[in-house]
Amino acid sequence: PDAVPAVEYRLQWEPGRQRLYDESLQPED
């Protein structure tokens, strides 16, 4: 966590990528 404080989540790209998996990961707060 000290080396990687954040991971980018692109709203226009990630929903399409999530369809590649059985379970999707959605940001909450």
All heavy atoms as atom14 arrays in JSON, in Angstrom:
{
  "sequence": "PDAVPAVEYRLQWEPGRQRLYDESLQPED",
  "atom14_mask": [
    [1, 1, 1, 1, 1, 1, 1, 0, 0, 0, 0, 0, 0, 0],
    [1, 1, 1, 1, 1, 1, 1, 1, 0, 0, 0, 0, 0, 0],
    [1, 1, 1, 1, 1, 0, 0, 0, 0, 0, 0, 0, 0, 0],
    [1, 1, 1, 1, 1, 1, 1, 0, 0, 0, 0, 0, 0, 0],
    [1, 1, 1, 1, 1, 1, 1, 0, 0, 0, 0, 0, 0, 0],
    [1, 1, 1, 1, 1, 0, 0, 0, 0, 0, 0, 0, 0, 0],
    [1, 1, 1, 1, 1, 1, 1, 0, 0, 0, 0, 0, 0, 0],
    [1, 1, 1, 1, 1, 1, 1, 1, 1, 0, 0, 0, 0, 0],
    [1, 1, 1, 1, 1, 1, 1, 1, 1, 1, 1, 1, 0, 0],
    [1, 1, 1, 1, 1, 1, 1, 1, 1, 1, 1, 0, 0, 0],
    [1, 1, 1, 1, 1, 1, 1, 1, 0, 0, 0, 0, 0, 0],
    [1, 1, 1, 1, 1, 1, 1, 1, 1, 0, 0, 0, 0, 0],
    [1, 1, 1, 1, 1, 1, 1, 1, 1, 1, 1, 1, 1, 1],
    [1, 1, 1, 1, 1, 1, 1, 1, 1, 0, 0, 0, 0, 0],
    [1, 1, 1, 1, 1, 1, 1, 0, 0, 0, 0, 0, 0, 0],
    [1, 1, 1, 1, 0, 0, 0, 0, 0, 0, 0, 0, 0, 0],
    [1, 1, 1, 1, 1, 1, 1, 1, 1, 1, 1, 0, 0, 0],
    [1, 1, 1, 1, 1, 1, 1, 1, 1, 0, 0, 0, 0, 0],
    [1, 1, 1, 1, 1, 1, 1, 1, 1, 1, 1, 0, 0, 0],
    [1, 1, 1, 1, 1, 1, 1, 1, 0, 0, 0, 0, 0, 0],
    [1, 1, 1, 1, 1, 1, 1, 1, 1, 1, 1, 1, 0, 0],
    [1, 1, 1, 1, 1, 1, 1, 1, 0, 0, 0, 0, 0, 0],
    [1, 1, 1, 1, 1, 1, 1, 1, 1, 0, 0, 0, 0, 0],
    [1, 1, 1, 1, 1, 1, 0, 0, 0, 0, 0, 0, 0, 0],
    [1, 1, 1, 1, 1, 1, 1, 1, 0, 0, 0, 0, 0, 0],
    [1, 1, 1, 1, 1, 1, 1, 1, 1, 0, 0, 0, 0, 0],
    [1, 1, 1, 1, 1, 1, 1, 0, 0, 0, 0, 0, 0, 0],
    [1, 1, 1, 1, 1, 1, 1, 1, 1, 0, 0, 0, 0, 0],
    [1, 1, 1, 1, 1, 1, 1, 1, 0, 0, 0, 0, 0, 0]
  ],
  "atom14_positions": [
    [[0.8, -1.23, 0.0], [0.0, 0.0, 0.0], [0.84, 1.28, 0.0], [0.38, 2.31, -0.5], [-0.85, -0.12, 1.26], [-0.16, -1.11, 2.11], [0.58, -2.03, 1.19], [0.0, 0.0, 0.0], [0.0, 0.0, 0.0], [0.0, 0.0, 0.0], [0.0, 0.0, 0.0], [0.0, 0.0, 0.0], [0.0, 0.0, 0.0], [0.0, 0.0, 0.0]],
    [[2.05, 1.24, 0.54], [2.89, 2.44, 0.53], [3.46, 2.71, -0.85], [3.73, 3.86, -1.2], [4.04, 2.31, 1.54], [3.52, 2.29, 2.98], [2.45, 2.87, 3.23], [4.2, 1.7, 3.84], [0.0, 0.0, 0.0], [0.0, 0.0, 0.0], [0.0, 0.0, 0.0], [0.0, 0.0, 0.0], [0.0, 0.0, 0.0], [0.0, 0.0, 0.0]],
    [[3.68, 1.67, -1.64], [4.25, 1.82, -2.97], [3.18, 2.08, -4.03], [3.43, 2.75, -5.03], [5.05, 0.58, -3.35], [0.0, 0.0, 0.0], [0.0, 0.0, 0.0], [0.0, 0.0, 0.0], [0.0, 0.0, 0.0], [0.0, 0.0, 0.0], [0.0, 0.0, 0.0], [0.0, 0.0, 0.0], [0.0, 0.0, 0.0], [0.0, 0.0, 0.0]],
    [[1.99, 1.52, -3.83], [0.89, 1.66, -4.81], [-0.33, 2.19, -4.06], [-1.16, 1.43, -3.59], [0.57, 0.3, -5.48], [-0.47, 0.48, -6.57], [1.82, -0.36, -6.02], [0.0, 0.0, 0.0], [0.0, 0.0, 0.0], [0.0, 0.0, 0.0], [0.0, 0.0, 0.0], [0.0, 0.0, 0.0], [0.0, 0.0, 0.0], [0.0, 0.0, 0.0]],
    [[-0.44, 3.52, -3.94], [-1.54, 4.07, -3.14], [-2.91, 4.03, -3.81], [-3.92, 4.16, -3.14], [-1.11, 5.52, -2.9], [-0.22, 5.83, -4.06], [0.46, 4.55, -4.41], [0.0, 0.0, 0.0], [0.0, 0.0, 0.0], [0.0, 0.0, 0.0], [0.0, 0.0, 0.0], [0.0, 0.0, 0.0], [0.0, 0.0, 0.0], [0.0, 0.0, 0.0]],
    [[-2.95, 3.86, -5.13], [-4.24, 3.86, -5.83], [-4.14, 3.05, -7.12], [-3.07, 2.9, -7.68], [-4.66, 5.28, -6.16], [0.0, 0.0, 0.0], [0.0, 0.0, 0.0], [0.0, 0.0, 0.0], [0.0, 0.0, 0.0], [0.0, 0.0, 0.0], [0.0, 0.0, 0.0], [0.0, 0.0, 0.0], [0.0, 0.0, 0.0], [0.0, 0.0, 0.0]],
    [[-5.28, 2.52, -7.56], [-5.39, 1.81, -8.83], [-6.45, 2.52, -9.65], [-7.54, 2.79, -9.16], [-5.77, 0.33, -8.61], [-5.99, -0.38, -9.93], [-4.71, -0.37, -7.79], [0.0, 0.0, 0.0], [0.0, 0.0, 0.0], [0.0, 0.0, 0.0], [0.0, 0.0, 0.0], [0.0, 0.0, 0.0], [0.0, 0.0, 0.0], [0.0, 0.0, 0.0]],
    [[-6.12, 2.84, -10.9], [-7.06, 3.56, -11.75], [-8.2, 2.65, -12.2], [-7.99, 1.51, -12.59], [-6.31, 4.09, -12.97], [-7.14, 4.95, -13.87], [-6.31, 5.57, -14.97], [-5.2, 6.05, -14.72], [-6.79, 5.55, -16.11], [0.0, 0.0, 0.0], [0.0, 0.0, 0.0], [0.0, 0.0, 0.0], [0.0, 0.0, 0.0], [0.0, 0.0, 0.0]],
    [[-9.4, 3.17, -12.14], [-10.6, 2.46, -12.59], [-11.28, 3.36, -13.61], [-11.86, 4.38, -13.25], [-11.52, 2.2, -11.4], [-12.76, 1.42, -11.72], [-12.8, 0.05, -11.54], [-13.91, 2.04, -12.2], [-13.94, -0.68, -11.82], [-15.06, 1.31, -12.5], [-15.06, -0.04, -12.29], [-16.18, -0.75, -12.58], [0.0, 0.0, 0.0], [0.0, 0.0, 0.0]],
    [[-11.16, 3.03, -14.88], [-11.73, 3.86, -15.93], [-13.17, 3.46, -16.17], [-13.45, 2.35, -16.62], [-10.92, 3.71, -17.23], [-9.47, 4.11, -17.13], [-9.28, 5.6, -16.98], [-9.86, 6.37, -18.04], [-9.17, 6.97, -18.98], [-7.87, 6.89, -19.01], [-9.81, 7.66, -19.91], [0.0, 0.0, 0.0], [0.0, 0.0, 0.0], [0.0, 0.0, 0.0]],
    [[-14.09, 4.35, -15.87], [-15.51, 4.03, -15.98], [-15.92, 3.65, -17.39], [-16.82, 2.84, -17.58], [-16.35, 5.21, -15.49], [-16.3, 5.47, -14.01], [-17.08, 6.73, -13.67], [-16.84, 4.3, -13.23], [0.0, 0.0, 0.0], [0.0, 0.0, 0.0], [0.0, 0.0, 0.0], [0.0, 0.0, 0.0], [0.0, 0.0, 0.0], [0.0, 0.0, 0.0]],
    [[-15.27, 4.19, -18.41], [-15.68, 3.86, -19.78], [-15.09, 2.53, -20.25], [-15.59, 1.95, -21.19], [-15.34, 5.0, -20.75], [-13.87, 5.2, -21.01], [-13.24, 6.26, -20.13], [-13.63, 6.42, -18.98], [-12.29, 6.98, -20.65], [0.0, 0.0, 0.0], [0.0, 0.0, 0.0], [0.0, 0.0, 0.0], [0.0, 0.0, 0.0], [0.0, 0.0, 0.0]],
    [[-14.04, 2.03, -19.61], [-13.41, 0.77, -20.05], [-13.73, -0.42, -19.16], [-13.94, -1.53, -19.63], [-11.9, 0.92, -20.09], [-11.39, 1.89, -21.07], [-12.04, 2.41, -22.17], [-10.11, 2.5, -21.06], [-11.24, 3.3, -22.81], [-10.04, 3.37, -22.17], [-9.0, 2.4, -20.23], [-8.92, 4.14, -22.46], [-7.89, 3.15, -20.52], [-7.85, 4.01, -21.62]],
    [[-13.72, -0.21, -17.87], [-13.77, -1.34, -16.95], [-15.05, -2.17, -17.04], [-14.97, -3.4, -16.96], [-13.53, -0.86, -15.52], [-13.11, -1.97, -14.6], [-11.87, -2.72, -15.09], [-10.91, -2.1, -15.58], [-11.88, -3.95, -14.98], [0.0, 0.0, 0.0], [0.0, 0.0, 0.0], [0.0, 0.0, 0.0], [0.0, 0.0, 0.0], [0.0, 0.0, 0.0]],
    [[-16.24, -1.6, -17.21], [-17.42, -2.47, -17.32], [-17.29, -3.49, -18.45], [-17.7, -4.63, -18.3], [-18.56, -1.48, -17.57], [-18.11, -0.24, -16.89], [-16.61, -0.19, -17.15], [0.0, 0.0, 0.0], [0.0, 0.0, 0.0], [0.0, 0.0, 0.0], [0.0, 0.0, 0.0], [0.0, 0.0, 0.0], [0.0, 0.0, 0.0], [0.0, 0.0, 0.0]],
    [[-16.68, -3.12, -19.56], [-16.47, -4.07, -20.66], [-15.49, -5.17, -20.28], [-15.67, -6.34, -20.61], [0.0, 0.0, 0.0], [0.0, 0.0, 0.0], [0.0, 0.0, 0.0], [0.0, 0.0, 0.0], [0.0, 0.0, 0.0], [0.0, 0.0, 0.0], [0.0, 0.0, 0.0], [0.0, 0.0, 0.0], [0.0, 0.0, 0.0], [0.0, 0.0, 0.0]],
    [[-14.44, -4.8, -19.56], [-13.46, -5.79, -19.11], [-14.07, -6.74, -18.09], [-13.72, -7.93, -18.05], [-12.25, -5.09, -18.5], [-11.43, -4.34, -19.49], [-10.3, -3.66, -18.81], [-9.57, -2.83, -19.74], [-8.68, -1.94, -19.39], [-8.4, -1.76, -18.11], [-8.04, -1.23, -20.29], [0.0, 0.0, 0.0], [0.0, 0.0, 0.0], [0.0, 0.0, 0.0]],
    [[-14.95, -6.22, -17.26], [-15.56, -7.05, -16.22], [-16.41, -8.17, -16.81], [-16.62, -9.19, -16.16], [-16.4, -6.19, -15.28], [-15.59, -5.26, -14.42], [-14.78, -5.98, -13.37], [-15.22, -6.95, -12.78], [-13.56, -5.51, -13.15], [0.0, 0.0, 0.0], [0.0, 0.0, 0.0], [0.0, 0.0, 0.0], [0.0, 0.0, 0.0], [0.0, 0.0, 0.0]],
    [[-16.9, -8.0, -18.02], [-17.71, -9.05, -18.65], [-16.88, -10.29, -18.98], [-17.42, -11.33, -19.31], [-18.38, -8.52, -19.91], [-19.55, -7.62, -19.61], [-20.38, -7.37, -20.85], [-19.68, -6.58, -21.85], [-19.68, -5.25, -21.9], [-20.34, -4.57, -20.99], [-19.03, -4.61, -22.84], [0.0, 0.0, 0.0], [0.0, 0.0, 0.0], [0.0, 0.0, 0.0]],
    [[-15.56, -10.18, -18.89], [-14.7, -11.33, -19.16], [-14.68, -12.33, -18.01], [-14.21, -13.44, -18.16], [-13.27, -10.86, -19.44], [-13.1, -9.94, -20.65], [-11.67, -9.45, -20.72], [-13.49, -10.65, -21.93], [0.0, 0.0, 0.0], [0.0, 0.0, 0.0], [0.0, 0.0, 0.0], [0.0, 0.0, 0.0], [0.0, 0.0, 0.0], [0.0, 0.0, 0.0]],
    [[-15.2, -11.93, -16.86], [-15.15, -12.77, -15.66], [-16.55, -13.16, -15.2], [-17.52, -12.45, -15.47], [-14.44, -12.03, -14.52], [-13.03, -11.64, -14.89], [-12.72, -10.34, -15.27], [-12.02, -12.59, -14.9], [-11.43, -9.99, -15.63], [-10.73, -12.24, -15.26], [-10.44, -10.95, -15.62], [-9.18, -10.62, -15.98], [0.0, 0.0, 0.0], [0.0, 0.0, 0.0]],
    [[-16.64, -14.27, -14.48], [-17.93, -14.72, -13.95], [-18.47, -13.75, -12.89], [-19.65, -13.5, -12.82], [-17.81, -16.11, -13.33], [-17.75, -17.2, -14.39], [-18.19, -16.96, -15.52], [-17.26, -18.3, -14.07], [0.0, 0.0, 0.0], [0.0, 0.0, 0.0], [0.0, 0.0, 0.0], [0.0, 0.0, 0.0], [0.0, 0.0, 0.0], [0.0, 0.0, 0.0]],
    [[-17.59, -13.21, -12.06], [-17.99, -12.27, -11.02], [-17.37, -10.92, -11.34], [-16.19, -10.84, -11.64], [-17.47, -12.71, -9.64], [-17.78, -14.15, -9.29], [-16.73, -15.13, -9.79], [-15.59, -14.72, -10.05], [-17.07, -16.3, -9.95], [0.0, 0.0, 0.0], [0.0, 0.0, 0.0], [0.0, 0.0, 0.0], [0.0, 0.0, 0.0], [0.0, 0.0, 0.0]],
    [[-18.15, -9.86, -11.24], [-17.59, -8.54, -11.51], [-17.22, -7.85, -10.2], [-17.77, -8.15, -9.15], [-18.59, -7.68, -12.29], [-19.72, -7.42, -11.5], [0.0, 0.0, 0.0], [0.0, 0.0, 0.0], [0.0, 0.0, 0.0], [0.0, 0.0, 0.0], [0.0, 0.0, 0.0], [0.0, 0.0, 0.0], [0.0, 0.0, 0.0], [0.0, 0.0, 0.0]],
    [[-16.27, -6.95, -10.29], [-15.84, -6.16, -9.14], [-16.35, -4.73, -9.36], [-16.05, -4.12, -10.38], [-14.32, -6.15, -9.03], [-13.64, -7.5, -8.92], [-12.14, -7.34, -8.98], [-14.04, -8.16, -7.62], [0.0, 0.0, 0.0], [0.0, 0.0, 0.0], [0.0, 0.0, 0.0], [0.0, 0.0, 0.0], [0.0, 0.0, 0.0], [0.0, 0.0, 0.0]],
    [[-17.1, -4.23, -8.42], [-17.65, -2.89, -8.55], [-17.17, -2.03, -7.39], [-17.17, -2.48, -6.24], [-19.19, -2.96, -8.53], [-19.78, -3.78, -9.65], [-19.44, -3.24, -11.02], [-19.4, -2.04, -11.23], [-19.17, -4.12, -11.96], [0.0, 0.0, 0.0], [0.0, 0.0, 0.0], [0.0, 0.0, 0.0], [0.0, 0.0, 0.0], [0.0, 0.0, 0.0]],
    [[-16.75, -0.8, -7.69], [-16.32, 0.08, -6.59], [-17.51, 0.5, -5.73], [-18.61, 0.7, -6.24], [-15.72, 1.28, -7.32], [-16.28, 1.24, -8.69], [-16.62, -0.18, -8.98], [0.0, 0.0, 0.0], [0.0, 0.0, 0.0], [0.0, 0.0, 0.0], [0.0, 0.0, 0.0], [0.0, 0.0, 0.0], [0.0, 0.0, 0.0], [0.0, 0.0, 0.0]],
    [[-17.27, 0.58, -4.44], [-18.26, 1.06, -3.48], [-17.59, 2.12, -2.63], [-16.6, 1.83, -1.96], [-18.76, -0.08, -2.61], [-19.53, -1.15, -3.37], [-19.96, -2.29, -2.47], [-19.99, -2.11, -1.23], [-20.26, -3.36, -3.02], [0.0, 0.0, 0.0], [0.0, 0.0, 0.0], [0.0, 0.0, 0.0], [0.0, 0.0, 0.0], [0.0, 0.0, 0.0]],
    [[-18.1, 3.33, -2.69], [-17.52, 4.46, -1.94], [-16.03, 4.64, -2.26], [-15.22, 4.92, -1.38], [-17.71, 4.27, -0.44], [-19.18, 4.24, -0.04], [-19.97, 4.99, -0.66], [-19.53, 3.47, 0.87], [0.0, 0.0, 0.0], [0.0, 0.0, 0.0], [0.0, 0.0, 0.0], [0.0, 0.0, 0.0], [0.0, 0.0, 0.0], [0.0, 0.0, 0.0]]
  ]
}
